[in-house]
Amino acid sequence: MEQAGFVFQYQFATEGEREAYEQAYSESYSECQKQLYTEGYQIYTSFDLSFRRNCRRQLTIPYPLLRRKMTRCL
């Protein structure tokens, strides 16, 4: 909501000011929620390529061989 320009407020001089804020908050929240559900969001991640390759290699090791390797490590 803040990225959309909404300014959060925690203290109010009058009850009317608080009610106006709550109305604006509700409208902004609804708009942000609608955007999230209709436009979605993107998640960016990164992996160390050597880490990824090593994981892939480990997953292709036949189970008995992997078990022996794990036993030796313990």
N, C-alpha and C. Protein backbone atom coordinates (compact mmCIF):
# COMPACT_ATOMS: atom_id res chain seq x y z
N MET A 1 0.83 -1.19 0.00
CA MET A 1 0.00 0.00 0.00
C MET A 1 0.87 1.25 0.00
N GLU A 2 1.95 1.18 0.76
CA GLU A 2 2.85 2.32 0.84
C GLU A 2 3.46 2.61 -0.53
N GLN A 3 3.80 1.56 -1.27
CA GLN A 3 4.38 1.74 -2.59
C GLN A 3 3.38 2.36 -3.55
N ALA A 4 2.10 2.18 -3.28
CA ALA A 4 1.06 2.76 -4.13
C ALA A 4 0.77 4.21 -3.73
N GLY A 5 1.44 4.70 -2.68
CA GLY A 5 1.28 6.08 -2.29
C GLY A 5 0.45 6.31 -1.04
N PHE A 6 -0.02 5.25 -0.42
CA PHE A 6 -0.82 5.41 0.80
C PHE A 6 0.09 5.78 1.96
N VAL A 7 -0.33 6.78 2.74
CA VAL A 7 0.46 7.21 3.90
C VAL A 7 -0.23 6.70 5.15
N PHE A 8 0.46 5.85 5.89
CA PHE A 8 -0.11 5.30 7.12
C PHE A 8 -0.12 6.37 8.21
N GLN A 9 -1.17 6.33 8.99
CA GLN A 9 -1.34 7.32 10.06
C GLN A 9 -1.79 6.59 11.32
N TYR A 10 -1.28 7.02 12.46
CA TYR A 10 -1.58 6.32 13.70
C TYR A 10 -2.24 7.21 14.76
N GLN A 11 -2.20 8.50 14.55
CA GLN A 11 -2.83 9.42 15.49
C GLN A 11 -3.76 10.35 14.73
N PHE A 12 -4.88 10.69 15.36
CA PHE A 12 -5.90 11.51 14.71
C PHE A 12 -6.35 12.61 15.67
N ALA A 13 -6.58 13.80 15.11
CA ALA A 13 -7.00 14.93 15.93
C ALA A 13 -8.48 14.83 16.29
N THR A 14 -9.26 14.27 15.37
CA THR A 14 -10.71 14.18 15.62
C THR A 14 -11.23 12.82 15.19
N GLU A 15 -12.42 12.52 15.62
CA GLU A 15 -13.08 11.27 15.22
C GLU A 15 -13.35 11.28 13.72
N GLY A 16 -13.72 12.45 13.18
CA GLY A 16 -13.98 12.57 11.75
C GLY A 16 -12.73 12.29 10.92
N GLU A 17 -11.61 12.75 11.41
CA GLU A 17 -10.34 12.49 10.73
C GLU A 17 -10.02 11.00 10.72
N ARG A 18 -10.28 10.34 11.83
CA ARG A 18 -10.05 8.90 11.92
C ARG A 18 -10.97 8.14 10.96
N GLU A 19 -12.23 8.53 10.89
CA GLU A 19 -13.18 7.88 9.99
C GLU A 19 -12.80 8.07 8.53
N ALA A 20 -12.35 9.28 8.18
CA ALA A 20 -11.91 9.54 6.81
C ALA A 20 -10.69 8.69 6.48
N TYR A 21 -9.76 8.56 7.44
CA TYR A 21 -8.58 7.73 7.24
C TYR A 21 -8.97 6.27 7.03
N GLU A 22 -9.86 5.77 7.87
CA GLU A 22 -10.29 4.38 7.75
C GLU A 22 -10.96 4.11 6.41
N GLN A 23 -11.71 5.08 5.89
CA GLN A 23 -12.33 4.93 4.57
C GLN A 23 -11.26 4.88 3.48
N ALA A 24 -10.29 5.79 3.56
CA ALA A 24 -9.20 5.81 2.58
C ALA A 24 -8.37 4.54 2.67
N TYR A 25 -8.13 4.07 3.89
CA TYR A 25 -7.38 2.83 4.10
C TYR A 25 -8.11 1.66 3.46
N SER A 26 -9.40 1.58 3.71
CA SER A 26 -10.20 0.48 3.17
C SER A 26 -10.18 0.46 1.64
N GLU A 27 -10.30 1.64 1.04
CA GLU A 27 -10.29 1.73 -0.43
C GLU A 27 -8.92 1.35 -0.99
N SER A 28 -7.86 1.83 -0.35
CA SER A 28 -6.51 1.51 -0.81
C SER A 28 -6.21 0.03 -0.64
N TYR A 29 -6.62 -0.53 0.48
CA TYR A 29 -6.41 -1.95 0.74
C TYR A 29 -7.13 -2.80 -0.31
N SER A 30 -8.37 -2.44 -0.59
CA SER A 30 -9.16 -3.19 -1.59
C SER A 30 -8.51 -3.13 -2.96
N GLU A 31 -8.01 -1.97 -3.33
CA GLU A 31 -7.36 -1.81 -4.63
C GLU A 31 -6.08 -2.64 -4.70
N CYS A 32 -5.28 -2.61 -3.66
CA CYS A 32 -4.03 -3.40 -3.64
C CYS A 32 -4.34 -4.89 -3.66
N GLN A 33 -5.35 -5.29 -2.93
CA GLN A 33 -5.74 -6.71 -2.90
C GLN A 33 -6.22 -7.15 -4.28
N LYS A 34 -7.00 -6.31 -4.94
CA LYS A 34 -7.49 -6.63 -6.28
C LYS A 34 -6.33 -6.78 -7.26
N GLN A 35 -5.35 -5.86 -7.16
CA GLN A 35 -4.18 -5.95 -8.04
C GLN A 35 -3.40 -7.24 -7.79
N LEU A 36 -3.25 -7.60 -6.54
CA LEU A 36 -2.52 -8.82 -6.20
C LEU A 36 -3.21 -10.03 -6.80
N TYR A 37 -4.52 -10.10 -6.67
CA TYR A 37 -5.25 -11.27 -7.15
C TYR A 37 -5.38 -11.31 -8.67
N THR A 38 -5.42 -10.15 -9.33
CA THR A 38 -5.60 -10.16 -10.77
C THR A 38 -4.29 -10.06 -11.55
N GLU A 39 -3.33 -9.30 -11.00
CA GLU A 39 -2.06 -9.13 -11.70
C GLU A 39 -0.98 -10.05 -11.17
N GLY A 40 -1.19 -10.57 -9.97
CA GLY A 40 -0.22 -11.47 -9.37
C GLY A 40 1.02 -10.75 -8.90
N TYR A 41 2.04 -11.50 -8.64
CA TYR A 41 3.31 -10.95 -8.21
C TYR A 41 4.41 -11.86 -8.71
N GLN A 42 5.62 -11.34 -8.71
CA GLN A 42 6.76 -12.11 -9.20
C GLN A 42 7.73 -12.31 -8.05
N ILE A 43 8.32 -13.48 -8.03
CA ILE A 43 9.33 -13.80 -7.03
C ILE A 43 10.64 -14.01 -7.77
N TYR A 44 11.65 -13.30 -7.36
CA TYR A 44 12.97 -13.42 -7.97
C TYR A 44 13.89 -14.17 -7.01
N THR A 45 14.54 -15.19 -7.50
CA THR A 45 15.49 -15.94 -6.69
C THR A 45 16.78 -16.12 -7.48
N SER A 46 17.80 -16.49 -6.79
CA SER A 46 19.05 -16.80 -7.48
C SER A 46 19.73 -17.95 -6.75
N PHE A 47 20.37 -18.81 -7.52
CA PHE A 47 21.11 -19.93 -6.98
C PHE A 47 22.53 -19.86 -7.51
N ASP A 48 23.44 -20.24 -6.69
CA ASP A 48 24.82 -20.40 -7.11
C ASP A 48 24.83 -21.57 -8.07
N LEU A 49 25.29 -21.35 -9.29
CA LEU A 49 25.27 -22.41 -10.31
C LEU A 49 26.06 -23.65 -9.89
N SER A 50 27.20 -23.47 -9.25
CA SER A 50 27.97 -24.64 -8.85
C SER A 50 27.22 -25.42 -7.77
N PHE A 51 26.52 -24.72 -6.88
CA PHE A 51 25.70 -25.39 -5.87
C PHE A 51 24.59 -26.19 -6.56
N ARG A 52 23.95 -25.58 -7.55
CA ARG A 52 22.87 -26.26 -8.27
C ARG A 52 23.38 -27.51 -8.99
N ARG A 53 24.53 -27.38 -9.65
CA ARG A 53 25.10 -28.54 -10.35
C ARG A 53 25.43 -29.66 -9.38
N ASN A 54 26.02 -29.31 -8.25
CA ASN A 54 26.37 -30.31 -7.25
C ASN A 54 25.11 -31.01 -6.72
N CYS A 55 24.07 -30.26 -6.47
CA CYS A 55 22.81 -30.87 -6.00
C CYS A 55 22.27 -31.82 -7.05
N ARG A 56 22.30 -31.41 -8.29
CA ARG A 56 21.78 -32.26 -9.37
C ARG A 56 22.59 -33.55 -9.46
N ARG A 57 23.93 -33.42 -9.35
CA ARG A 57 24.80 -34.60 -9.38
C ARG A 57 24.47 -35.55 -8.24
N GLN A 58 24.29 -34.99 -7.05
CA GLN A 58 23.99 -35.82 -5.88
C GLN A 58 22.66 -36.56 -6.05
N LEU A 59 21.72 -35.92 -6.70
CA LEU A 59 20.41 -36.55 -6.88
C LEU A 59 20.43 -37.66 -7.93
N THR A 60 21.45 -37.67 -8.76
CA THR A 60 21.52 -38.72 -9.79
C THR A 60 22.33 -39.93 -9.34
N ILE A 61 22.93 -39.87 -8.16
CA ILE A 61 23.70 -41.00 -7.64
C ILE A 61 22.72 -42.11 -7.26
N PRO A 62 22.97 -43.36 -7.68
CA PRO A 62 22.10 -44.47 -7.29
C PRO A 62 22.02 -44.59 -5.77
N TYR A 63 20.87 -44.95 -5.25
CA TYR A 63 20.62 -44.98 -3.81
C TYR A 63 21.65 -45.79 -3.01
N PRO A 64 22.02 -47.02 -3.40
CA PRO A 64 23.00 -47.77 -2.58
C PRO A 64 24.34 -47.04 -2.48
N LEU A 65 24.79 -46.44 -3.56
CA LEU A 65 26.05 -45.70 -3.54
C LEU A 65 25.91 -44.47 -2.64
N LEU A 66 24.80 -43.79 -2.74
CA LEU A 66 24.55 -42.62 -1.90
C LEU A 66 24.52 -43.02 -0.43
N ARG A 67 23.92 -44.13 -0.15
CA ARG A 67 23.83 -44.59 1.24
C ARG A 67 25.22 -44.88 1.80
N ARG A 68 26.09 -45.49 0.98
CA ARG A 68 27.46 -45.75 1.43
C ARG A 68 28.21 -44.45 1.68
N LYS A 69 28.03 -43.47 0.79
CA LYS A 69 28.69 -42.18 0.97
C LYS A 69 28.21 -41.52 2.25
N MET A 70 26.93 -41.58 2.51
CA MET A 70 26.37 -40.95 3.71
C MET A 70 26.88 -41.66 4.97
N THR A 71 27.00 -42.97 4.92
CA THR A 71 27.47 -43.73 6.07
C THR A 71 28.91 -43.35 6.39
N ARG A 72 29.71 -43.17 5.36
CA ARG A 72 31.10 -42.77 5.58
C ARG A 72 31.20 -41.38 6.20
N CYS A 73 30.27 -40.50 5.89
CA CYS A 73 30.31 -39.14 6.42
C CYS A 73 29.93 -39.11 7.88
N LEU A 74 29.16 -40.08 8.36
CA LEU A 74 28.72 -40.06 9.74
C LEU A 74 29.72 -40.61 10.65
